[in-house]
Amino acid sequence: MSDVADRAEWRIAKDIEAAMAHARKTPKLEADGRCYYCDEDVAHEKLFCNTDCSDDYQREQEARRRAGR
């Protein structure tokens, strides 16, 4: 019979597995010289022109995930 520690270890492994599967599905942004939020020019290796755009983009994406889009 398994004990509490065995069940906890199994649950942790399943949670990690689910999180990794979700991370693989999440599309990765690629730098293209434009801000992903406001479309301003940025240095080629950057995704956003400033932290405000980055924060706004993250909030928008989280709201879309919560809405099921």
C-alpha atoms as a PDB file:
ATOM      1  CA  MET A   1       0.000   0.000   0.000  1.00  0.00           C
ATOM      2  CA  SER A   2       1.373   3.414  -0.938  1.00  0.00           C
ATOM      3  CA  ASP A   3       1.870   6.006   1.700  1.00  0.00           C
ATOM      4  CA  VAL A   4       1.304   9.748   1.664  1.00  0.00           C
ATOM      5  CA  ALA A   5       4.836  10.508   0.428  1.00  0.00           C
ATOM      6  CA  ASP A   6       4.410   8.198  -2.582  1.00  0.00           C
ATOM      7  CA  ARG A   7       1.102   9.824  -3.529  1.00  0.00           C
ATOM      8  CA  ALA A   8       2.599  13.296  -3.117  1.00  0.00           C
ATOM      9  CA  GLU A   9       5.568  12.368  -5.312  1.00  0.00           C
ATOM     10  CA  TRP A  10       3.210  11.008  -7.982  1.00  0.00           C
ATOM     11  CA  ARG A  11       1.095  14.206  -7.857  1.00  0.00           C
ATOM     12  CA  ILE A  12       4.165  16.426  -8.175  1.00  0.00           C
ATOM     13  CA  ALA A  13       5.389  14.439 -11.177  1.00  0.00           C
ATOM     14  CA  LYS A  14       1.971  14.778 -12.854  1.00  0.00           C
ATOM     15  CA  ASP A  15       1.865  18.533 -12.183  1.00  0.00           C
ATOM     16  CA  ILE A  16       5.338  18.986 -13.673  1.00  0.00           C
ATOM     17  CA  GLU A  17       4.367  16.892 -16.689  1.00  0.00           C
ATOM     18  CA  ALA A  18       1.224  18.992 -17.266  1.00  0.00           C
ATOM     19  CA  ALA A  19       3.139  22.272 -16.885  1.00  0.00           C
ATOM     20  CA  MET A  20       5.794  21.150 -19.366  1.00  0.00           C
ATOM     21  CA  ALA A  21       3.143  20.112 -21.890  1.00  0.00           C
ATOM     22  CA  HIS A  22       1.494  23.522 -21.542  1.00  0.00           C
ATOM     23  CA  ALA A  23       4.829  25.315 -21.963  1.00  0.00           C
ATOM     24  CA  ARG A  24       5.497  23.408 -25.179  1.00  0.00           C
ATOM     25  CA  LYS A  25       2.155  24.569 -26.608  1.00  0.00           C
ATOM     26  CA  THR A  26       2.757  28.239 -25.779  1.00  0.00           C
ATOM     27  CA  PRO A  27       4.046  30.001 -28.900  1.00  0.00           C
ATOM     28  CA  LYS A  28       7.409  31.672 -28.538  1.00  0.00           C
ATOM     29  CA  LEU A  29       7.832  35.260 -29.665  1.00  0.00           C
ATOM     30  CA  GLU A  30      10.666  35.968 -32.072  1.00  0.00           C
ATOM     31  CA  ALA A  31      12.374  39.348 -32.275  1.00  0.00           C
ATOM     32  CA  ASP A  32      11.744  41.039 -35.631  1.00  0.00           C
ATOM     33  CA  GLY A  33      12.772  44.640 -34.945  1.00  0.00           C
ATOM     34  CA  ARG A  34       9.247  45.769 -33.987  1.00  0.00           C
ATOM     35  CA  CYS A  35       7.563  45.989 -30.574  1.00  0.00           C
ATOM     36  CA  TYR A  36       4.988  43.199 -30.249  1.00  0.00           C
ATOM     37  CA  TYR A  37       2.572  45.521 -28.465  1.00  0.00           C
ATOM     38  CA  CYS A  38       2.769  48.982 -30.077  1.00  0.00           C
ATOM     39  CA  ASP A  39       4.646  48.152 -33.315  1.00  0.00           C
ATOM     40  CA  GLU A  40       7.409  50.738 -32.704  1.00  0.00           C
ATOM     41  CA  ASP A  41      10.939  50.108 -33.968  1.00  0.00           C
ATOM     42  CA  VAL A  42      13.169  48.356 -31.407  1.00  0.00           C
ATOM     43  CA  ALA A  43      16.674  46.890 -31.383  1.00  0.00           C
ATOM     44  CA  HIS A  44      16.608  43.677 -33.392  1.00  0.00           C
ATOM     45  CA  GLU A  45      17.069  41.356 -30.398  1.00  0.00           C
ATOM     46  CA  LYS A  46      14.299  42.977 -28.288  1.00  0.00           C
ATOM     47  CA  LEU A  47      10.613  42.018 -28.236  1.00  0.00           C
ATOM     48  CA  PHE A  48       9.177  45.178 -26.656  1.00  0.00           C
ATOM     49  CA  CYS A  49      10.183  48.852 -26.691  1.00  0.00           C
ATOM     50  CA  ASN A  50       9.802  49.247 -22.903  1.00  0.00           C
ATOM     51  CA  THR A  51       8.501  47.533 -19.790  1.00  0.00           C
ATOM     52  CA  ASP A  52       5.078  49.160 -20.093  1.00  0.00           C
ATOM     53  CA  CYS A  53       4.479  47.458 -23.449  1.00  0.00           C
ATOM     54  CA  SER A  54       5.814  44.179 -22.098  1.00  0.00           C
ATOM     55  CA  ASP A  55       3.547  44.346 -19.026  1.00  0.00           C
ATOM     56  CA  ASP A  56       0.507  45.345 -21.097  1.00  0.00           C
ATOM     57  CA  TYR A  57       1.148  42.498 -23.542  1.00  0.00           C
ATOM     58  CA  GLN A  58       1.434  39.976 -20.686  1.00  0.00           C
ATOM     59  CA  ARG A  59      -1.804  41.238 -19.079  1.00  0.00           C
ATOM     60  CA  GLU A  60      -3.604  41.013 -22.410  1.00  0.00           C
ATOM     61  CA  GLN A  61      -2.368  37.461 -23.039  1.00  0.00           C
ATOM     62  CA  GLU A  62      -3.366  36.355 -19.520  1.00  0.00           C
ATOM     63  CA  ALA A  63      -6.844  37.837 -20.012  1.00  0.00           C
ATOM     64  CA  ARG A  64      -7.157  35.952 -23.316  1.00  0.00           C
ATOM     65  CA  ARG A  65      -6.106  32.685 -21.649  1.00  0.00           C
ATOM     66  CA  ARG A  66      -8.676  33.202 -18.892  1.00  0.00           C
ATOM     67  CA  ALA A  67     -11.329  33.898 -21.530  1.00  0.00           C
ATOM     68  CA  GLY A  68     -10.394  30.693 -23.346  1.00  0.00           C
ATOM     69  CA  ARG A  69      -8.969  32.275 -26.501  1.00  0.00           C
END
